[in-house]
């Protein structure tokens, strides 16, 4: 599983760089101040959590067990939900309901699982 998490983390990182370039050069002409702020917030969360997913993947390979893999899965799904919800709102003005808060909660749970995996081997 660690290879899947590593690949997803790398792809999220790649997407962060590409979207950041678009946000810097094209987005200001298309989005209002609120949209730009939301977009930047999503990019920040995506970048940090892409790195967290890569770290969880490396930890899953080294440590093994369910907890590091559950943490990585939480980071991957949380990223999709949180950033997807933020981007839908910022770019399209579309509310996807509780998608972003559920994704944010998953990201927090993933951090907790990662912490637990450092002291518990399951």
N, C-alpha and C. Protein backbone atom coordinates (compact mmCIF):
# COMPACT_ATOMS: atom_id res chain seq x y z
N UNK A 1 0.81 -1.20 0.00
CA UNK A 1 0.00 0.00 0.00
C UNK A 1 0.85 1.27 0.00
N UNK A 2 2.05 1.18 0.60
CA UNK A 2 2.85 2.39 0.73
C UNK A 2 3.18 3.03 -0.62
N UNK A 3 3.29 2.21 -1.67
CA UNK A 3 3.57 2.76 -2.99
C UNK A 3 2.39 3.57 -3.53
N UNK A 4 1.19 3.12 -3.24
CA UNK A 4 0.00 3.87 -3.63
C UNK A 4 -0.02 5.22 -2.93
N UNK A 5 0.24 5.21 -1.61
CA UNK A 5 0.23 6.47 -0.85
C UNK A 5 1.32 7.41 -1.35
N UNK A 6 2.50 6.85 -1.65
CA UNK A 6 3.59 7.67 -2.14
C UNK A 6 3.24 8.29 -3.49
N UNK A 7 2.66 7.50 -4.38
CA UNK A 7 2.26 8.01 -5.70
C UNK A 7 1.19 9.09 -5.56
N UNK A 8 0.21 8.86 -4.70
CA UNK A 8 -0.84 9.87 -4.50
C UNK A 8 -0.28 11.15 -3.90
N UNK A 9 0.62 11.02 -2.93
CA UNK A 9 1.25 12.19 -2.34
C UNK A 9 2.00 12.99 -3.38
N UNK A 10 2.75 12.29 -4.24
CA UNK A 10 3.50 12.97 -5.29
C UNK A 10 2.56 13.66 -6.28
N UNK A 11 1.45 13.00 -6.62
CA UNK A 11 0.50 13.61 -7.55
C UNK A 11 -0.20 14.82 -6.94
N UNK A 12 -0.54 14.73 -5.66
CA UNK A 12 -1.11 15.90 -4.98
C UNK A 12 -0.09 17.04 -4.95
N UNK A 13 1.17 16.72 -4.74
CA UNK A 13 2.21 17.75 -4.76
C UNK A 13 2.36 18.38 -6.13
N UNK A 14 2.37 17.55 -7.16
CA UNK A 14 2.45 18.05 -8.54
C UNK A 14 1.27 18.97 -8.82
N UNK A 15 0.07 18.55 -8.44
CA UNK A 15 -1.12 19.36 -8.67
C UNK A 15 -1.05 20.68 -7.90
N UNK A 16 -0.45 20.66 -6.71
CA UNK A 16 -0.30 21.89 -5.94
C UNK A 16 0.57 22.89 -6.68
N UNK A 17 1.67 22.43 -7.24
CA UNK A 17 2.56 23.34 -7.98
C UNK A 17 1.85 23.89 -9.21
N UNK A 18 1.17 23.03 -9.94
CA UNK A 18 0.46 23.47 -11.15
C UNK A 18 -0.64 24.47 -10.80
N UNK A 19 -1.44 24.15 -9.78
CA UNK A 19 -2.51 25.06 -9.39
C UNK A 19 -1.97 26.37 -8.82
N UNK A 20 -0.85 26.31 -8.13
CA UNK A 20 -0.23 27.53 -7.60
C UNK A 20 0.21 28.45 -8.72
N UNK A 21 0.75 27.87 -9.78
CA UNK A 21 1.15 28.69 -10.93
C UNK A 21 -0.08 29.34 -11.56
N UNK A 22 -1.14 28.57 -11.72
CA UNK A 22 -2.37 29.14 -12.26
C UNK A 22 -2.93 30.22 -11.34
N UNK A 23 -2.89 29.95 -10.03
CA UNK A 23 -3.41 30.92 -9.06
C UNK A 23 -2.62 32.22 -9.10
N UNK A 24 -1.33 32.14 -9.35
CA UNK A 24 -0.50 33.34 -9.37
C UNK A 24 -0.67 34.14 -10.66
N UNK A 25 -0.90 33.46 -11.77
CA UNK A 25 -0.88 34.14 -13.06
C UNK A 25 -2.25 34.36 -13.70
N UNK A 26 -3.16 33.42 -13.57
CA UNK A 26 -4.45 33.53 -14.26
C UNK A 26 -5.61 33.81 -13.32
N UNK A 27 -5.56 33.29 -12.12
CA UNK A 27 -6.70 33.41 -11.21
C UNK A 27 -7.06 34.84 -10.85
N UNK A 28 -6.09 35.75 -10.64
CA UNK A 28 -6.48 37.12 -10.24
C UNK A 28 -7.42 37.81 -11.23
N UNK A 29 -7.35 37.45 -12.50
CA UNK A 29 -8.24 38.05 -13.49
C UNK A 29 -9.63 37.42 -13.48
N UNK A 30 -9.76 36.27 -12.84
CA UNK A 30 -11.02 35.52 -12.89
C UNK A 30 -11.76 35.46 -11.56
N UNK A 31 -11.04 35.63 -10.45
CA UNK A 31 -11.65 35.46 -9.14
C UNK A 31 -11.65 36.76 -8.36
N UNK A 32 -12.66 36.91 -7.50
CA UNK A 32 -12.68 38.06 -6.61
C UNK A 32 -11.76 37.78 -5.42
N UNK A 33 -11.66 38.74 -4.51
CA UNK A 33 -10.73 38.61 -3.37
C UNK A 33 -11.08 37.40 -2.52
N UNK A 34 -12.37 37.17 -2.29
CA UNK A 34 -12.78 36.01 -1.47
C UNK A 34 -12.37 34.70 -2.16
N UNK A 35 -12.60 34.60 -3.46
CA UNK A 35 -12.22 33.40 -4.20
C UNK A 35 -10.72 33.16 -4.18
N UNK A 36 -9.94 34.24 -4.32
CA UNK A 36 -8.48 34.10 -4.28
C UNK A 36 -8.00 33.64 -2.91
N UNK A 37 -8.62 34.18 -1.85
CA UNK A 37 -8.25 33.78 -0.49
C UNK A 37 -8.59 32.32 -0.26
N UNK A 38 -9.76 31.90 -0.68
CA UNK A 38 -10.17 30.50 -0.52
C UNK A 38 -9.26 29.58 -1.33
N UNK A 39 -8.94 29.98 -2.54
CA UNK A 39 -8.04 29.19 -3.38
C UNK A 39 -6.69 29.03 -2.71
N UNK A 40 -6.15 30.11 -2.18
CA UNK A 40 -4.85 30.05 -1.50
C UNK A 40 -4.91 29.15 -0.28
N UNK A 41 -6.00 29.21 0.46
CA UNK A 41 -6.18 28.33 1.62
C UNK A 41 -6.18 26.86 1.20
N UNK A 42 -6.90 26.56 0.14
CA UNK A 42 -6.92 25.18 -0.37
C UNK A 42 -5.54 24.72 -0.81
N UNK A 43 -4.82 25.60 -1.50
CA UNK A 43 -3.47 25.24 -1.97
C UNK A 43 -2.51 25.01 -0.80
N UNK A 44 -2.62 25.83 0.22
CA UNK A 44 -1.77 25.64 1.39
C UNK A 44 -2.04 24.29 2.04
N UNK A 45 -3.31 23.99 2.25
CA UNK A 45 -3.66 22.70 2.86
C UNK A 45 -3.23 21.54 1.97
N UNK A 46 -3.42 21.69 0.67
CA UNK A 46 -3.04 20.61 -0.24
C UNK A 46 -1.54 20.38 -0.21
N UNK A 47 -0.77 21.45 -0.23
CA UNK A 47 0.69 21.29 -0.23
C UNK A 47 1.20 20.62 1.03
N UNK A 48 0.75 21.09 2.18
CA UNK A 48 1.21 20.50 3.44
C UNK A 48 0.77 19.04 3.56
N UNK A 49 -0.45 18.76 3.15
CA UNK A 49 -0.94 17.40 3.33
C UNK A 49 -0.45 16.45 2.25
N UNK A 50 -0.01 16.97 1.10
CA UNK A 50 0.69 16.12 0.14
C UNK A 50 1.98 15.63 0.76
N UNK A 51 2.69 16.53 1.45
CA UNK A 51 3.92 16.13 2.15
C UNK A 51 3.62 15.15 3.28
N UNK A 52 2.52 15.39 4.00
CA UNK A 52 2.14 14.48 5.08
C UNK A 52 1.85 13.09 4.52
N UNK A 53 1.21 13.04 3.36
CA UNK A 53 0.90 11.75 2.74
C UNK A 53 2.18 11.04 2.31
N UNK A 54 3.13 11.76 1.77
CA UNK A 54 4.43 11.16 1.42
C UNK A 54 5.11 10.63 2.68
N UNK A 55 5.10 11.42 3.74
CA UNK A 55 5.70 10.98 5.00
C UNK A 55 5.01 9.75 5.56
N UNK A 56 3.69 9.73 5.51
CA UNK A 56 2.94 8.57 6.00
C UNK A 56 3.25 7.34 5.15
N UNK A 57 3.43 7.53 3.85
CA UNK A 57 3.79 6.41 2.97
C UNK A 57 5.14 5.82 3.35
N UNK A 58 6.11 6.70 3.59
CA UNK A 58 7.44 6.22 3.98
C UNK A 58 7.41 5.55 5.35
N UNK A 59 6.61 6.09 6.25
CA UNK A 59 6.45 5.50 7.57
C UNK A 59 5.75 4.15 7.47
N UNK A 60 4.75 4.04 6.61
CA UNK A 60 4.03 2.77 6.43
C UNK A 60 4.98 1.69 5.91
N UNK A 61 5.88 2.08 5.00
CA UNK A 61 6.86 1.12 4.49
C UNK A 61 7.81 0.66 5.60
N UNK A 62 8.27 1.61 6.38
CA UNK A 62 9.25 1.28 7.42
C UNK A 62 8.63 0.58 8.61
N UNK A 63 7.52 1.09 9.09
CA UNK A 63 6.90 0.60 10.32
C UNK A 63 5.99 -0.59 10.06
N UNK A 64 5.23 -0.54 8.97
CA UNK A 64 4.25 -1.57 8.71
C UNK A 64 3.05 -1.43 9.63
N UNK A 65 2.09 -2.27 9.46
CA UNK A 65 0.90 -2.24 10.31
C UNK A 65 -0.23 -1.43 9.72
N UNK A 66 -1.34 -1.48 10.40
CA UNK A 66 -2.56 -0.85 9.91
C UNK A 66 -2.58 0.66 10.15
N UNK A 67 -2.08 1.12 11.29
CA UNK A 67 -2.23 2.54 11.62
C UNK A 67 -1.56 3.50 10.62
N UNK A 68 -0.33 3.24 10.20
CA UNK A 68 0.25 4.15 9.20
C UNK A 68 -0.53 4.15 7.88
N UNK A 69 -1.04 3.00 7.49
CA UNK A 69 -1.83 2.92 6.26
C UNK A 69 -3.18 3.61 6.42
N UNK A 70 -3.80 3.49 7.59
CA UNK A 70 -5.04 4.20 7.85
C UNK A 70 -4.81 5.70 7.86
N UNK A 71 -3.69 6.13 8.43
CA UNK A 71 -3.35 7.55 8.43
C UNK A 71 -3.19 8.05 6.99
N UNK A 72 -2.47 7.30 6.18
CA UNK A 72 -2.27 7.69 4.78
C UNK A 72 -3.59 7.74 4.03
N UNK A 73 -4.45 6.77 4.26
CA UNK A 73 -5.77 6.77 3.62
C UNK A 73 -6.57 7.99 4.06
N UNK A 74 -6.48 8.34 5.34
CA UNK A 74 -7.17 9.53 5.84
C UNK A 74 -6.65 10.80 5.19
N UNK A 75 -5.33 10.89 5.02
CA UNK A 75 -4.76 12.05 4.34
C UNK A 75 -5.25 12.13 2.89
N UNK A 76 -5.24 11.00 2.18
CA UNK A 76 -5.65 11.00 0.78
C UNK A 76 -7.12 11.39 0.63
N UNK A 77 -7.99 10.75 1.38
CA UNK A 77 -9.41 11.04 1.28
C UNK A 77 -9.73 12.44 1.81
N UNK A 78 -9.09 12.80 2.91
CA UNK A 78 -9.30 14.13 3.47
C UNK A 78 -8.90 15.23 2.50
N UNK A 79 -7.78 15.03 1.81
CA UNK A 79 -7.34 15.99 0.80
C UNK A 79 -8.36 16.14 -0.32
N UNK A 80 -8.84 15.03 -0.81
CA UNK A 80 -9.83 15.08 -1.89
C UNK A 80 -11.09 15.83 -1.45
N UNK A 81 -11.59 15.48 -0.28
CA UNK A 81 -12.83 16.10 0.18
C UNK A 81 -12.64 17.56 0.56
N UNK A 82 -11.63 17.84 1.38
CA UNK A 82 -11.44 19.22 1.83
C UNK A 82 -11.11 20.14 0.66
N UNK A 83 -10.06 19.81 -0.08
CA UNK A 83 -9.64 20.68 -1.17
C UNK A 83 -10.69 20.72 -2.28
N UNK A 84 -11.32 19.59 -2.55
CA UNK A 84 -12.39 19.58 -3.55
C UNK A 84 -13.51 20.53 -3.18
N UNK A 85 -13.92 20.51 -1.93
CA UNK A 85 -14.97 21.41 -1.47
C UNK A 85 -14.55 22.87 -1.54
N UNK A 86 -13.32 23.15 -1.12
CA UNK A 86 -12.82 24.54 -1.15
C UNK A 86 -12.69 25.02 -2.59
N UNK A 87 -12.14 24.19 -3.47
CA UNK A 87 -11.96 24.59 -4.86
C UNK A 87 -13.30 24.77 -5.58
N UNK A 88 -14.26 23.91 -5.30
CA UNK A 88 -15.59 24.05 -5.91
C UNK A 88 -16.21 25.38 -5.53
N UNK A 89 -16.05 25.75 -4.27
CA UNK A 89 -16.59 27.03 -3.81
C UNK A 89 -15.83 28.21 -4.40
N UNK A 90 -14.50 28.14 -4.37
CA UNK A 90 -13.68 29.26 -4.83
C UNK A 90 -13.77 29.46 -6.34
N UNK A 91 -13.73 28.38 -7.08
CA UNK A 91 -13.65 28.48 -8.54
C UNK A 91 -15.01 28.50 -9.22
N UNK A 92 -15.97 27.77 -8.64
CA UNK A 92 -17.26 27.67 -9.31
C UNK A 92 -18.41 28.27 -8.55
N UNK A 93 -18.15 28.74 -7.33
CA UNK A 93 -19.23 29.28 -6.52
C UNK A 93 -20.24 28.22 -6.13
N UNK A 94 -19.81 26.97 -6.14
CA UNK A 94 -20.69 25.85 -5.85
C UNK A 94 -20.42 25.33 -4.45
N UNK A 95 -21.47 25.18 -3.68
CA UNK A 95 -21.33 24.59 -2.35
C UNK A 95 -21.57 23.09 -2.44
N UNK A 96 -20.64 22.32 -1.94
CA UNK A 96 -20.78 20.87 -1.94
C UNK A 96 -21.20 20.36 -0.57
N UNK A 97 -21.90 21.20 0.15
CA UNK A 97 -22.41 20.82 1.47
C UNK A 97 -21.27 20.63 2.45
N UNK A 98 -21.36 19.55 3.22
CA UNK A 98 -20.36 19.35 4.28
C UNK A 98 -19.07 18.69 3.81
N UNK A 99 -18.81 18.71 2.51
CA UNK A 99 -17.63 18.01 1.99
C UNK A 99 -16.33 18.54 2.59
N UNK A 100 -16.14 19.85 2.62
CA UNK A 100 -14.90 20.42 3.17
C UNK A 100 -14.77 20.14 4.66
N UNK A 101 -15.81 20.34 5.48
CA UNK A 101 -15.66 20.03 6.90
C UNK A 101 -15.39 18.54 7.17
N UNK A 102 -16.01 17.68 6.40
CA UNK A 102 -15.75 16.24 6.57
C UNK A 102 -14.30 15.94 6.19
N UNK A 103 -13.83 16.54 5.09
CA UNK A 103 -12.44 16.36 4.69
C UNK A 103 -11.47 16.89 5.72
N UNK A 104 -11.77 18.05 6.29
CA UNK A 104 -10.92 18.61 7.34
C UNK A 104 -10.88 17.73 8.57
N UNK A 105 -12.03 17.17 8.92
CA UNK A 105 -12.08 16.24 10.06
C UNK A 105 -11.24 15.00 9.77
N UNK A 106 -11.33 14.49 8.56
CA UNK A 106 -10.52 13.33 8.18
C UNK A 106 -9.03 13.64 8.26
N UNK A 107 -8.65 14.84 7.86
CA UNK A 107 -7.24 15.22 7.96
C UNK A 107 -6.78 15.24 9.41
N UNK A 108 -7.62 15.74 10.31
CA UNK A 108 -7.26 15.74 11.73
C UNK A 108 -7.17 14.32 12.27
N UNK A 109 -8.11 13.47 11.88
CA UNK A 109 -8.07 12.06 12.31
C UNK A 109 -6.80 11.39 11.80
N UNK A 110 -6.43 11.70 10.55
CA UNK A 110 -5.21 11.12 9.98
C UNK A 110 -3.98 11.52 10.78
N UNK A 111 -3.91 12.78 11.20
CA UNK A 111 -2.79 13.20 12.05
C UNK A 111 -2.78 12.42 13.36
N UNK A 112 -3.95 12.22 13.94
CA UNK A 112 -4.04 11.44 15.17
C UNK A 112 -3.60 10.00 14.97
N UNK A 113 -4.01 9.41 13.87
CA UNK A 113 -3.61 8.03 13.56
C UNK A 113 -2.10 7.94 13.33
N UNK A 114 -1.55 8.95 12.67
CA UNK A 114 -0.11 8.96 12.45
C UNK A 114 0.64 9.04 13.78
N UNK A 115 0.15 9.90 14.67
CA UNK A 115 0.76 10.01 16.01
C UNK A 115 0.64 8.68 16.76
N UNK A 116 -0.53 8.07 16.70
CA UNK A 116 -0.74 6.80 17.40
C UNK A 116 0.19 5.72 16.84
N UNK A 117 0.43 5.76 15.53
CA UNK A 117 1.28 4.72 14.92
C UNK A 117 2.72 4.83 15.38
N UNK A 118 3.10 5.98 15.91
CA UNK A 118 4.47 6.14 16.41
C UNK A 118 4.68 5.43 17.73
N UNK A 119 3.59 5.21 18.47
CA UNK A 119 3.73 4.59 19.81
C UNK A 119 3.02 3.24 19.94
N UNK A 120 2.13 2.94 19.00
CA UNK A 120 1.39 1.68 19.03
C UNK A 120 1.63 0.94 17.73
N UNK A 121 1.93 -0.33 17.83
CA UNK A 121 2.10 -1.14 16.62
C UNK A 121 0.86 -2.01 16.44
N UNK A 122 0.02 -1.57 15.47
CA UNK A 122 -1.19 -2.34 15.13
C UNK A 122 -1.20 -2.57 13.65
